[in-house]
Amino acid sequence: MFKFILRLMLMGIGSLPLWLAQLLGGCGGIIALLFSKQFRELFNKNYSRAMDLNGIKQRPLMAAAASGMLFMDSLWIWYNPEKALARQGTNHIVAPPRWLRNYSSLHCTTFSCNDYV
């Protein structure tokens, strides 16, 4: 039952327009930062390290919103690969670079790496 509900939710996200999925993801990221102590502690620790390394002013709410948007983008692209490629102005999958294909840890699931060598 849990898998069915999860799949239904994911398919629902995939059927939304991209702008709405991003808006919901941004709101979800902010809500997670404000109300989840565990997420907030992990997020603040990692975020502050990254910002201190680069000397950039910290804006945790904006970063949490961006994190949620990226999460929703990933789900949306998973269910709408043709639309995502059309948004980029291309209608084909670009082969990975040759140096990346040589790594044995690369597991190609959507296409065969040998097709592009």
PDB file of N, CA and C in Angstrom:
ATOM      1  N   MET A   1       0.815  -1.192   0.000  1.00  0.00           N
ATOM      2  CA  MET A   1       0.000   0.000   0.000  1.00  0.00           C
ATOM      3  C   MET A   1       0.869   1.270   0.000  1.00  0.00           C
ATOM      4  N   PHE A   2       1.966   1.237   0.803  1.00  0.00           N
ATOM      5  CA  PHE A   2       2.850   2.383   0.865  1.00  0.00           C
ATOM      6  C   PHE A   2       3.492   2.668  -0.498  1.00  0.00           C
ATOM      7  N   LYS A   3       3.917   1.596  -1.180  1.00  0.00           N
ATOM      8  CA  LYS A   3       4.527   1.766  -2.503  1.00  0.00           C
ATOM      9  C   LYS A   3       3.533   2.366  -3.493  1.00  0.00           C
ATOM     10  N   PHE A   4       2.293   1.953  -3.403  1.00  0.00           N
ATOM     11  CA  PHE A   4       1.269   2.473  -4.297  1.00  0.00           C
ATOM     12  C   PHE A   4       1.064   3.974  -4.074  1.00  0.00           C
ATOM     13  N   ILE A   5       0.976   4.379  -2.808  1.00  0.00           N
ATOM     14  CA  ILE A   5       0.781   5.795  -2.498  1.00  0.00           C
ATOM     15  C   ILE A   5       1.990   6.614  -2.932  1.00  0.00           C
ATOM     16  N   LEU A   6       3.191   6.089  -2.677  1.00  0.00           N
ATOM     17  CA  LEU A   6       4.412   6.783  -3.090  1.00  0.00           C
ATOM     18  C   LEU A   6       4.472   6.933  -4.610  1.00  0.00           C
ATOM     19  N   ARG A   7       4.167   5.860  -5.316  1.00  0.00           N
ATOM     20  CA  ARG A   7       4.179   5.921  -6.780  1.00  0.00           C
ATOM     21  C   ARG A   7       3.136   6.906  -7.297  1.00  0.00           C
ATOM     22  N   LEU A   8       1.964   6.928  -6.681  1.00  0.00           N
ATOM     23  CA  LEU A   8       0.913   7.862  -7.073  1.00  0.00           C
ATOM     24  C   LEU A   8       1.366   9.309  -6.854  1.00  0.00           C
ATOM     25  N   MET A   9       2.041   9.564  -5.741  1.00  0.00           N
ATOM     26  CA  MET A   9       2.548  10.908  -5.473  1.00  0.00           C
ATOM     27  C   MET A   9       3.616  11.314  -6.495  1.00  0.00           C
ATOM     28  N   LEU A  10       4.520  10.395  -6.801  1.00  0.00           N
ATOM     29  CA  LEU A  10       5.578  10.703  -7.768  1.00  0.00           C
ATOM     30  C   LEU A  10       5.013  10.942  -9.154  1.00  0.00           C
ATOM     31  N   MET A  11       4.049  10.135  -9.547  1.00  0.00           N
ATOM     32  CA  MET A  11       3.422  10.345 -10.854  1.00  0.00           C
ATOM     33  C   MET A  11       2.645  11.659 -10.880  1.00  0.00           C
ATOM     34  N   GLY A  12       2.063  12.028  -9.745  1.00  0.00           N
ATOM     35  CA  GLY A  12       1.366  13.310  -9.656  1.00  0.00           C
ATOM     36  C   GLY A  12       2.316  14.475  -9.839  1.00  0.00           C
ATOM     37  N   ILE A  13       3.492  14.381  -9.228  1.00  0.00           N
ATOM     38  CA  ILE A  13       4.499  15.428  -9.402  1.00  0.00           C
ATOM     39  C   ILE A  13       4.942  15.497 -10.860  1.00  0.00           C
ATOM     40  N   GLY A  14       5.095  14.341 -11.483  1.00  0.00           N
ATOM     41  CA  GLY A  14       5.512  14.304 -12.877  1.00  0.00           C
ATOM     42  C   GLY A  14       4.474  14.879 -13.824  1.00  0.00           C
ATOM     43  N   SER A  15       3.214  14.884 -13.427  1.00  0.00           N
ATOM     44  CA  SER A  15       2.172  15.401 -14.306  1.00  0.00           C
ATOM     45  C   SER A  15       1.964  16.907 -14.151  1.00  0.00           C
ATOM     46  N   LEU A  16       2.584  17.515 -13.149  1.00  0.00           N
ATOM     47  CA  LEU A  16       2.446  18.953 -12.940  1.00  0.00           C
ATOM     48  C   LEU A  16       3.270  19.722 -13.969  1.00  0.00           C
ATOM     49  N   PRO A  17       2.904  20.957 -14.248  1.00  0.00           N
ATOM     50  CA  PRO A  17       3.792  21.808 -15.043  1.00  0.00           C
ATOM     51  C   PRO A  17       5.080  22.059 -14.254  1.00  0.00           C
ATOM     52  N   LEU A  18       6.176  22.269 -14.957  1.00  0.00           N
ATOM     53  CA  LEU A  18       7.474  22.418 -14.307  1.00  0.00           C
ATOM     54  C   LEU A  18       7.483  23.572 -13.315  1.00  0.00           C
ATOM     55  N   TRP A  19       6.900  24.699 -13.674  1.00  0.00           N
ATOM     56  CA  TRP A  19       6.929  25.858 -12.775  1.00  0.00           C
ATOM     57  C   TRP A  19       6.215  25.565 -11.463  1.00  0.00           C
ATOM     58  N   LEU A  20       5.134  24.778 -11.507  1.00  0.00           N
ATOM     59  CA  LEU A  20       4.408  24.449 -10.294  1.00  0.00           C
ATOM     60  C   LEU A  20       5.193  23.449  -9.445  1.00  0.00           C
ATOM     61  N   ALA A  21       5.847  22.492 -10.102  1.00  0.00           N
ATOM     62  CA  ALA A  21       6.685  21.539  -9.371  1.00  0.00           C
ATOM     63  C   ALA A  21       7.832  22.269  -8.672  1.00  0.00           C
ATOM     64  N   GLN A  22       8.439  23.246  -9.357  1.00  0.00           N
ATOM     65  CA  GLN A  22       9.523  24.016  -8.753  1.00  0.00           C
ATOM     66  C   GLN A  22       9.026  24.868  -7.590  1.00  0.00           C
ATOM     67  N   LEU A  23       7.849  25.449  -7.743  1.00  0.00           N
ATOM     68  CA  LEU A  23       7.278  26.256  -6.673  1.00  0.00           C
ATOM     69  C   LEU A  23       7.002  25.403  -5.435  1.00  0.00           C
ATOM     70  N   LEU A  24       6.413  24.236  -5.638  1.00  0.00           N
ATOM     71  CA  LEU A  24       6.151  23.336  -4.519  1.00  0.00           C
ATOM     72  C   LEU A  24       7.450  22.857  -3.874  1.00  0.00           C
ATOM     73  N   GLY A  25       8.459  22.581  -4.682  1.00  0.00           N
ATOM     74  CA  GLY A  25       9.750  22.156  -4.151  1.00  0.00           C
ATOM     75  C   GLY A  25      10.420  23.243  -3.333  1.00  0.00           C
ATOM     76  N   GLY A  26      10.355  24.481  -3.823  1.00  0.00           N
ATOM     77  CA  GLY A  26      10.925  25.597  -3.071  1.00  0.00           C
ATOM     78  C   GLY A  26      10.246  25.781  -1.724  1.00  0.00           C
ATOM     79  N   CYS A  27       8.921  25.705  -1.729  1.00  0.00           N
ATOM     80  CA  CYS A  27       8.168  25.810  -0.470  1.00  0.00           C
ATOM     81  C   CYS A  27       8.500  24.633   0.445  1.00  0.00           C
ATOM     82  N   GLY A  28       8.614  23.444  -0.119  1.00  0.00           N
ATOM     83  CA  GLY A  28       8.952  22.267   0.675  1.00  0.00           C
ATOM     84  C   GLY A  28      10.329  22.368   1.299  1.00  0.00           C
ATOM     85  N   GLY A  29      11.289  22.916   0.572  1.00  0.00           N
ATOM     86  CA  GLY A  29      12.632  23.101   1.118  1.00  0.00           C
ATOM     87  C   GLY A  29      12.644  24.061   2.288  1.00  0.00           C
ATOM     88  N   ILE A  30      11.893  25.153   2.172  1.00  0.00           N
ATOM     89  CA  ILE A  30      11.818  26.125   3.262  1.00  0.00           C
ATOM     90  C   ILE A  30      11.106  25.515   4.468  1.00  0.00           C
ATOM     91  N   ILE A  31      10.020  24.806   4.229  1.00  0.00           N
ATOM     92  CA  ILE A  31       9.280  24.162   5.323  1.00  0.00           C
ATOM     93  C   ILE A  31      10.155  23.131   6.031  1.00  0.00           C
ATOM     94  N   ALA A  32      10.904  22.350   5.250  1.00  0.00           N
ATOM     95  CA  ALA A  32      11.795  21.357   5.855  1.00  0.00           C
ATOM     96  C   ALA A  32      12.860  22.030   6.712  1.00  0.00           C
ATOM     97  N   LEU A  33      13.405  23.140   6.238  1.00  0.00           N
ATOM     98  CA  LEU A  33      14.430  23.855   7.000  1.00  0.00           C
ATOM     99  C   LEU A  33      13.850  24.415   8.300  1.00  0.00           C
ATOM    100  N   LEU A  34      12.640  24.950   8.236  1.00  0.00           N
ATOM    101  CA  LEU A  34      12.056  25.578   9.411  1.00  0.00           C
ATOM    102  C   LEU A  34      11.545  24.582  10.450  1.00  0.00           C
ATOM    103  N   PHE A  35      11.012  23.444   9.998  1.00  0.00           N
ATOM    104  CA  PHE A  35      10.313  22.558  10.928  1.00  0.00           C
ATOM    105  C   PHE A  35      11.007  21.231  11.219  1.00  0.00           C
ATOM    106  N   SER A  36      12.050  20.883  10.503  1.00  0.00           N
ATOM    107  CA  SER A  36      12.737  19.620  10.750  1.00  0.00           C
ATOM    108  C   SER A  36      14.091  19.889  11.393  1.00  0.00           C
ATOM    109  N   LYS A  37      14.210  19.542  12.669  1.00  0.00           N
ATOM    110  CA  LYS A  37      15.455  19.796  13.392  1.00  0.00           C
ATOM    111  C   LYS A  37      16.619  19.025  12.778  1.00  0.00           C
ATOM    112  N   GLN A  38      16.378  17.762  12.408  1.00  0.00           N
ATOM    113  CA  GLN A  38      17.445  16.935  11.842  1.00  0.00           C
ATOM    114  C   GLN A  38      17.916  17.507  10.499  1.00  0.00           C
ATOM    115  N   PHE A  39      16.985  17.863   9.626  1.00  0.00           N
ATOM    116  CA  PHE A  39      17.359  18.442   8.326  1.00  0.00           C
ATOM    117  C   PHE A  39      18.084  19.764   8.529  1.00  0.00           C
ATOM    118  N   ARG A  40      17.586  20.589   9.437  1.00  0.00           N
ATOM    119  CA  ARG A  40      18.183  21.901   9.671  1.00  0.00           C
ATOM    120  C   ARG A  40      19.626  21.780  10.152  1.00  0.00           C
ATOM    121  N   GLU A  41      19.891  20.845  11.066  1.00  0.00           N
ATOM    122  CA  GLU A  41      21.254  20.669  11.566  1.00  0.00           C
ATOM    123  C   GLU A  41      22.196  20.213  10.465  1.00  0.00           C
ATOM    124  N   LEU A  42      21.791  19.225   9.687  1.00  0.00           N
ATOM    125  CA  LEU A  42      22.639  18.742   8.587  1.00  0.00           C
ATOM    126  C   LEU A  42      22.832  19.820   7.526  1.00  0.00           C
ATOM    127  N   PHE A  43      21.749  20.484   7.175  1.00  0.00           N
ATOM    128  CA  PHE A  43      21.794  21.506   6.137  1.00  0.00           C
ATOM    129  C   PHE A  43      22.700  22.658   6.562  1.00  0.00           C
ATOM    130  N   ASN A  44      22.496  23.171   7.773  1.00  0.00           N
ATOM    131  CA  ASN A  44      23.294  24.316   8.232  1.00  0.00           C
ATOM    132  C   ASN A  44      24.776  23.976   8.312  1.00  0.00           C
ATOM    133  N   LYS A  45      25.099  22.770   8.770  1.00  0.00           N
ATOM    134  CA  LYS A  45      26.502  22.370   8.871  1.00  0.00           C
ATOM    135  C   LYS A  45      27.153  22.340   7.485  1.00  0.00           C
ATOM    136  N   ASN A  46      26.522  21.672   6.539  1.00  0.00           N
ATOM    137  CA  ASN A  46      27.091  21.567   5.193  1.00  0.00           C
ATOM    138  C   ASN A  46      27.084  22.904   4.467  1.00  0.00           C
ATOM    139  N   TYR A  47      25.995  23.637   4.599  1.00  0.00           N
ATOM    140  CA  TYR A  47      25.868  24.917   3.901  1.00  0.00           C
ATOM    141  C   TYR A  47      26.887  25.934   4.416  1.00  0.00           C
ATOM    142  N   SER A  48      27.051  26.003   5.732  1.00  0.00           N
ATOM    143  CA  SER A  48      27.990  26.981   6.270  1.00  0.00           C
ATOM    144  C   SER A  48      29.432  26.645   5.878  1.00  0.00           C
ATOM    145  N   ARG A  49      29.756  25.359   5.820  1.00  0.00           N
ATOM    146  CA  ARG A  49      31.102  24.979   5.361  1.00  0.00           C
ATOM    147  C   ARG A  49      31.344  25.420   3.924  1.00  0.00           C
ATOM    148  N   ALA A  50      30.371  25.181   3.078  1.00  0.00           N
ATOM    149  CA  ALA A  50      30.528  25.545   1.665  1.00  0.00           C
ATOM    150  C   ALA A  50      30.629  27.054   1.488  1.00  0.00           C
ATOM    151  N   MET A  51      29.839  27.800   2.204  1.00  0.00           N
ATOM    152  CA  MET A  51      29.870  29.256   2.065  1.00  0.00           C
ATOM    153  C   MET A  51      31.134  29.854   2.673  1.00  0.00           C
ATOM    154  N   ASP A  52      31.580  29.307   3.808  1.00  0.00           N
ATOM    155  CA  ASP A  52      32.808  29.813   4.431  1.00  0.00           C
ATOM    156  C   ASP A  52      34.025  29.561   3.556  1.00  0.00           C
ATOM    157  N   LEU A  53      34.036  28.410   2.863  1.00  0.00           N
ATOM    158  CA  LEU A  53      35.151  28.096   1.970  1.00  0.00           C
ATOM    159  C   LEU A  53      35.264  29.118   0.852  1.00  0.00           C
ATOM    160  N   ASN A  54      34.140  29.566   0.332  1.00  0.00           N
ATOM    161  CA  ASN A  54      34.135  30.477  -0.801  1.00  0.00           C
ATOM    162  C   ASN A  54      33.974  31.935  -0.403  1.00  0.00           C
ATOM    163  N   GLY A  55      33.772  32.203   0.875  1.00  0.00           N
ATOM    164  CA  GLY A  55      33.629  33.582   1.334  1.00  0.00           C
ATOM    165  C   GLY A  55      32.364  34.250   0.849  1.00  0.00           C
ATOM    166  N   ILE A  56      31.311  33.498   0.696  1.00  0.00           N
ATOM    167  CA  ILE A  56      30.039  34.022   0.192  1.00  0.00           C
ATOM    168  C   ILE A  56      29.093  34.240   1.365  1.00  0.00           C
ATOM    169  N   LYS A  57      28.291  35.309   1.283  1.00  0.00           N
ATOM    170  CA  LYS A  57      27.308  35.604   2.321  1.00  0.00           C
ATOM    171  C   LYS A  57      26.285  34.475   2.395  1.00  0.00           C
ATOM    172  N   GLN A  58      25.951  34.060   3.602  1.00  0.00           N
ATOM    173  CA  GLN A  58      25.026  32.942   3.791  1.00  0.00           C
ATOM    174  C   GLN A  58      23.574  33.409   3.694  1.00  0.00           C
ATOM    175  N   ARG A  59      22.798  32.662   2.934  1.00  0.00           N
ATOM    176  CA  ARG A  59      21.356  32.891   2.802  1.00  0.00           C
ATOM    177  C   ARG A  59      20.661  31.538   2.868  1.00  0.00           C
ATOM    178  N   PRO A  60      20.494  31.002   4.069  1.00  0.00           N
ATOM    179  CA  PRO A  60      19.990  29.629   4.204  1.00  0.00           C
ATOM    180  C   PRO A  60      18.581  29.417   3.659  1.00  0.00           C
ATOM    181  N   LEU A  61      17.687  30.395   3.783  1.00  0.00           N
ATOM    182  CA  LEU A  61      16.329  30.203   3.253  1.00  0.00           C
ATOM    183  C   LEU A  61      16.334  30.072   1.736  1.00  0.00           C
ATOM    184  N   MET A  62      17.130  30.907   1.081  1.00  0.00           N
ATOM    185  CA  MET A  62      17.218  30.817  -0.379  1.00  0.00           C
ATOM    186  C   MET A  62      17.848  29.495  -0.810  1.00  0.00           C
ATOM    187  N   ALA A  63      18.858  29.061  -0.069  1.00  0.00           N
ATOM    188  CA  ALA A  63      19.518  27.806  -0.408  1.00  0.00           C
ATOM    189  C   ALA A  63      18.595  26.614  -0.171  1.00  0.00           C
ATOM    190  N   ALA A  64      17.794  26.663   0.900  1.00  0.00           N
ATOM    191  CA  ALA A  64      16.842  25.581   1.168  1.00  0.00           C
ATOM    192  C   ALA A  64      15.780  25.528   0.079  1.00  0.00           C
ATOM    193  N   ALA A  65      15.326  26.697  -0.371  1.00  0.00           N
ATOM    194  CA  ALA A  65      14.343  26.734  -1.457  1.00  0.00           C
ATOM    195  C   ALA A  65      14.949  26.166  -2.741  1.00  0.00           C
ATOM    196  N   ALA A  66      16.185  26.535  -3.028  1.00  0.00           N
ATOM    197  CA  ALA A  66      16.848  26.012  -4.227  1.00  0.00           C
ATOM    198  C   ALA A  66      17.042  24.507  -4.134  1.00  0.00           C
ATOM    199  N   SER A  67      17.363  24.022  -2.948  1.00  0.00           N
ATOM    200  CA  SER A  67      17.523  22.581  -2.748  1.00  0.00           C
ATOM    201  C   SER A  67      16.217  21.835  -3.020  1.00  0.00           C
ATOM    202  N   GLY A  68      15.115  22.356  -2.502  1.00  0.00           N
ATOM    203  CA  GLY A  68      13.814  21.740  -2.761  1.00  0.00           C
ATOM    204  C   GLY A  68      13.431  21.799  -4.227  1.00  0.00           C
ATOM    205  N   MET A  69      13.764  22.912  -4.881  1.00  0.00           N
ATOM    206  CA  MET A  69      13.465  23.037  -6.317  1.00  0.00           C
ATOM    207  C   MET A  69      14.245  22.010  -7.120  1.00  0.00           C
ATOM    208  N   LEU A  70      15.514  21.805  -6.784  1.00  0.00           N
ATOM    209  CA  LEU A  70      16.311  20.819  -7.498  1.00  0.00           C
ATOM    210  C   LEU A  70      15.778  19.404  -7.295  1.00  0.00           C
ATOM    211  N   PHE A  71      15.314  19.127  -6.082  1.00  0.00           N
ATOM    212  CA  PHE A  71      14.727  17.819  -5.806  1.00  0.00           C
ATOM    213  C   PHE A  71      13.488  17.596  -6.683  1.00  0.00           C
ATOM    214  N   MET A  72      12.621  18.592  -6.753  1.00  0.00           N
ATOM    215  CA  MET A  72      11.408  18.453  -7.568  1.00  0.00           C
ATOM    216  C   MET A  72      11.748  18.424  -9.066  1.00  0.00           C
ATOM    217  N   ASP A  73      12.767  19.187  -9.463  1.00  0.00           N
ATOM    218  CA  ASP A  73      13.217  19.133 -10.856  1.00  0.00           C
ATOM    219  C   ASP A  73      13.612  17.716 -11.238  1.00  0.00           C
ATOM    220  N   SER A  74      14.351  17.063 -10.360  1.00  0.00           N
ATOM    221  CA  SER A  74      14.809  15.702 -10.640  1.00  0.00           C
ATOM    222  C   SER A  74      13.630  14.751 -10.824  1.00  0.00           C
ATOM    223  N   LEU A  75      12.644  14.865  -9.951  1.00  0.00           N
ATOM    224  CA  LEU A  75      11.459  14.017 -10.088  1.00  0.00           C
ATOM    225  C   LEU A  75      10.707  14.328 -11.368  1.00  0.00           C
ATOM    226  N   TRP A  76      10.570  15.602 -11.685  1.00  0.00           N
ATOM    227  CA  TRP A  76       9.842  16.004 -12.891  1.00  0.00           C
ATOM    228  C   TRP A  76      10.560  15.494 -14.131  1.00  0.00           C
ATOM    229  N   ILE A  77      11.880  15.630 -14.177  1.00  0.00           N
ATOM    230  CA  ILE A  77      12.651  15.168 -15.334  1.00  0.00           C
ATOM    231  C   ILE A  77      12.566  13.656 -15.464  1.00  0.00           C
ATOM    232  N   TRP A  78      12.530  12.929 -14.344  1.00  0.00           N
ATOM    233  CA  TRP A  78      12.429  11.475 -14.377  1.00  0.00           C
ATOM    234  C   TRP A  78      11.157  11.025 -15.096  1.00  0.00           C
ATOM    235  N   TYR A  79      10.063  11.744 -14.875  1.00  0.00           N
ATOM    236  CA  TYR A  79       8.798  11.364 -15.488  1.00  0.00           C
ATOM    237  C   TYR A  79       8.531  12.072 -16.809  1.00  0.00           C
ATOM    238  N   ASN A  80       9.322  13.072 -17.168  1.00  0.00           N
ATOM    239  CA  ASN A  80       9.121  13.821 -18.409  1.00  0.00           C
ATOM    240  C   ASN A  80      10.433  14.025 -19.163  1.00  0.00           C
ATOM    241  N   PRO A  81      11.135  12.954 -19.522  1.00  0.00           N
ATOM    242  CA  PRO A  81      12.437  13.163 -20.174  1.00  0.00           C
ATOM    243  C   PRO A  81      12.324  13.852 -21.537  1.00  0.00           C
ATOM    244  N   GLU A  82      11.260  13.577 -22.285  1.00  0.00           N
ATOM    245  CA  GLU A  82      11.122  14.214 -23.595  1.00  0.00           C
ATOM    246  C   GLU A  82      10.907  15.713 -23.456  1.00  0.00           C
ATOM    247  N   LYS A  83      10.073  16.114 -22.503  1.00  0.00           N
ATOM    248  CA  LYS A  83       9.839  17.544 -22.289  1.00  0.00           C
ATOM    249  C   LYS A  83      11.102  18.235 -21.796  1.00  0.00           C
ATOM    250  N   ALA A  84      11.859  17.558 -20.934  1.00  0.00           N
ATOM    251  CA  ALA A  84      13.088  18.151 -20.414  1.00  0.00           C
ATOM    252  C   ALA A  84      14.104  18.357 -21.534  1.00  0.00           C
ATOM    253  N   LEU A  85      14.231  17.385 -22.412  1.00  0.00           N
ATOM    254  CA  LEU A  85      15.160  17.542 -23.534  1.00  0.00           C
ATOM    255  C   LEU A  85      14.684  18.612 -24.496  1.00  0.00           C
ATOM    256  N   ALA A  86      13.380  18.711 -24.692  1.00  0.00           N
ATOM    257  CA  ALA A  86      12.842  19.739 -25.584  1.00  0.00           C
ATOM    258  C   ALA A  86      13.115  21.131 -25.016  1.00  0.00           C
ATOM    259  N   ARG A  87      13.089  21.266 -23.700  1.00  0.00           N
ATOM    260  CA  ARG A  87      13.385  22.557 -23.069  1.00  0.00           C
ATOM    261  C   ARG A  87      14.830  22.972 -23.324  1.00  0.00           C
ATOM    262  N   GLN A  88      15.720  22.007 -23.501  1.00  0.00           N
ATOM    263  CA  GLN A  88      17.124  22.301 -23.747  1.00  0.00           C
ATOM    264  C   GLN A  88      17.400  22.551 -25.227  1.00  0.00           C
ATOM    265  N   GLY A  89      16.403  22.397 -26.072  1.00  0.00           N
ATOM    266  CA  GLY A  89      16.587  22.644 -27.488  1.00  0.00           C
ATOM    267  C   GLY A  89      17.208  21.471 -28.224  1.00  0.00           C
ATOM    268  N   THR A  90      17.160  20.288 -27.649  1.00  0.00           N
ATOM    269  CA  THR A  90      17.706  19.111 -28.304  1.00  0.00           C
ATOM    270  C   THR A  90      16.699  17.983 -28.210  1.00  0.00           C
ATOM    271  N   ASN A  91      16.744  17.079 -29.120  1.00  0.00           N
ATOM    272  CA  ASN A  91      15.799  15.963 -29.086  1.00  0.00           C
ATOM    273  C   ASN A  91      16.519  14.620 -29.041  1.00  0.00           C
ATOM    274  N   HIS A  92      17.761  14.609 -28.608  1.00  0.00           N
ATOM    275  CA  HIS A  92      18.497  13.363 -28.515  1.00  0.00           C
ATOM    276  C   HIS A  92      19.346  13.359 -27.243  1.00  0.00           C
ATOM    277  N   ILE A  93      19.703  12.184 -26.799  1.00  0.00           N
ATOM    278  CA  ILE A  93      20.544  12.055 -25.619  1.00  0.00           C
ATOM    279  C   ILE A  93      21.994  12.213 -26.040  1.00  0.00           C
ATOM    280  N   VAL A  94      22.695  13.083 -25.362  1.00  0.00           N
ATOM    281  CA  VAL A  94      24.094  13.336 -25.673  1.00  0.00           C
ATOM    282  C   VAL A  94      24.942  12.263 -24.995  1.00  0.00           C
ATOM    283  N   ALA A  95      25.869  11.718 -25.736  1.00  0.00           N
ATOM    284  CA  ALA A  95      26.739  10.668 -25.195  1.00  0.00           C
ATOM    285  C   ALA A  95      27.650  11.244 -24.122  1.00  0.00           C
ATOM    286  N   PRO A  96      27.955  10.449 -23.102  1.00  0.00           N
ATOM    287  CA  PRO A  96      28.898  10.927 -22.088  1.00  0.00           C
ATOM    288  C   PRO A  96      30.291  11.074 -22.701  1.00  0.00           C
ATOM    289  N   PRO A  97      31.133  11.932 -22.126  1.00  0.00           N
ATOM    290  CA  PRO A  97      32.480  12.093 -22.670  1.00  0.00           C
ATOM    291  C   PRO A  97      33.275  10.788 -22.587  1.00  0.00           C
ATOM    292  N   ARG A  98      34.244  10.648 -23.482  1.00  0.00           N
ATOM    293  CA  ARG A  98      35.018   9.411 -23.571  1.00  0.00           C
ATOM    294  C   ARG A  98      35.697   9.070 -22.252  1.00  0.00           C
ATOM    295  N   TRP A  99      36.234  10.062 -21.530  1.00  0.00           N
ATOM    296  CA  TRP A  99      36.925   9.775 -20.281  1.00  0.00           C
ATOM    297  C   TRP A  99      35.977   9.203 -19.232  1.00  0.00           C
ATOM    298  N   LEU A 100      34.716   9.588 -19.282  1.00  0.00           N
ATOM    299  CA  LEU A 100      33.752   9.083 -18.318  1.00  0.00           C
ATOM    300  C   LEU A 100      33.337   7.651 -18.649  1.00  0.00           C
ATOM    301  N   ARG A 101      33.312   7.303 -19.910  1.00  0.00           N
ATOM    302  CA  ARG A 101      32.900   5.954 -20.314  1.00  0.00           C
ATOM    303  C   ARG A 101      33.931   4.912 -19.914  1.00  0.00           C
ATOM    304  N   ASN A 102      35.173   5.316 -19.688  1.00  0.00           N
ATOM    305  CA  ASN A 102      36.223   4.355 -19.376  1.00  0.00           C
ATOM    306  C   ASN A 102      36.229   3.910 -17.923  1.00  0.00           C
ATOM    307  N   TYR A 103      35.491   4.597 -17.071  1.00  0.00           N
ATOM    308  CA  TYR A 103      35.459   4.196 -15.660  1.00  0.00           C
ATOM    309  C   TYR A 103      34.612   2.954 -15.492  1.00  0.00           C
ATOM    310  N   SER A 104      35.141   1.978 -14.747  1.00  0.00           N
ATOM    311  CA  SER A 104      34.419   0.726 -14.546  1.00  0.00           C
ATOM    312  C   SER A 104      33.253   0.902 -13.587  1.00  0.00           C
ATOM    313  N   SER A 105      33.242   1.979 -12.783  1.00  0.00           N
ATOM    314  CA  SER A 105      32.164   2.180 -11.830  1.00  0.00           C
ATOM    315  C   SER A 105      30.909   2.746 -12.494  1.00  0.00           C
ATOM    316  N   LEU A 106      31.012   3.165 -13.754  1.00  0.00           N
ATOM    317  CA  LEU A 106      29.852   3.724 -14.437  1.00  0.00           C
ATOM    318  C   LEU A 106      28.891   2.606 -14.817  1.00  0.00           C
ATOM    319  N   HIS A 107      27.685   2.704 -14.366  1.00  0.00           N
ATOM    320  CA  HIS A 107      26.664   1.718 -14.691  1.00  0.00           C
ATOM    321  C   HIS A 107      25.623   2.385 -15.576  1.00  0.00           C
ATOM    322  N   CYS A 108      25.616   2.072 -16.835  1.00  0.00           N
ATOM    323  CA  CYS A 108      24.661   2.662 -17.753  1.00  0.00           C
ATOM    324  C   CYS A 108      23.389   1.821 -17.747  1.00  0.00           C
ATOM    325  N   THR A 109      22.283   2.448 -17.405  1.00  0.00           N
ATOM    326  CA  THR A 109      21.027   1.715 -17.354  1.00  0.00           C
ATOM    327  C   THR A 109      20.083   2.139 -18.459  1.00  0.00           C
ATOM    328  N   THR A 110      20.178   3.375 -18.922  1.00  0.00           N
ATOM    329  CA  THR A 110      19.230   3.827 -19.938  1.00  0.00           C
ATOM    330  C   THR A 110      19.769   3.671 -21.345  1.00  0.00           C
ATOM    331  N   PHE A 111      21.077   3.504 -21.504  1.00  0.00           N
ATOM    332  CA  PHE A 111      21.657   3.268 -22.808  1.00  0.00           C
ATOM    333  C   PHE A 111      22.921   2.466 -22.629  1.00  0.00           C
ATOM    334  N   SER A 112      23.383   1.863 -23.664  1.00  0.00           N
ATOM    335  CA  SER A 112      24.597   1.062 -23.594  1.00  0.00           C
ATOM    336  C   SER A 112      25.810   1.952 -23.833  1.00  0.00           C
ATOM    337  N   CYS A 113      26.768   1.905 -22.917  1.00  0.00           N
ATOM    338  CA  CYS A 113      27.966   2.719 -23.067  1.00  0.00           C
ATOM    339  C   CYS A 113      28.739   2.325 -24.322  1.00  0.00           C
ATOM    340  N   ASN A 114      28.677   1.073 -24.689  1.00  0.00           N
ATOM    341  CA  ASN A 114      29.414   0.604 -25.857  1.00  0.00           C
ATOM    342  C   ASN A 114      28.851   1.165 -27.158  1.00  0.00           C
ATOM    343  N   ASP A 115      27.616   1.637 -27.151  1.00  0.00           N
ATOM    344  CA  ASP A 115      27.030   2.215 -28.366  1.00  0.00           C
ATOM    345  C   ASP A 115      27.707   3.520 -28.751  1.00  0.00           C
ATOM    346  N   TYR A 116      28.370   4.175 -27.806  1.00  0.00           N
ATOM    347  CA  TYR A 116      28.919   5.489 -28.068  1.00  0.00           C
ATOM    348  C   TYR A 116      30.438   5.495 -28.161  1.00  0.00           C
ATOM    349  N   VAL A 117      31.073   4.348 -28.056  1.00  0.00           N
ATOM    350  CA  VAL A 117      32.534   4.292 -28.095  1.00  0.00           C
ATOM    351  C   VAL A 117      33.013   4.372 -29.527  1.00  0.00           C
TER     352      VAL A 117
END
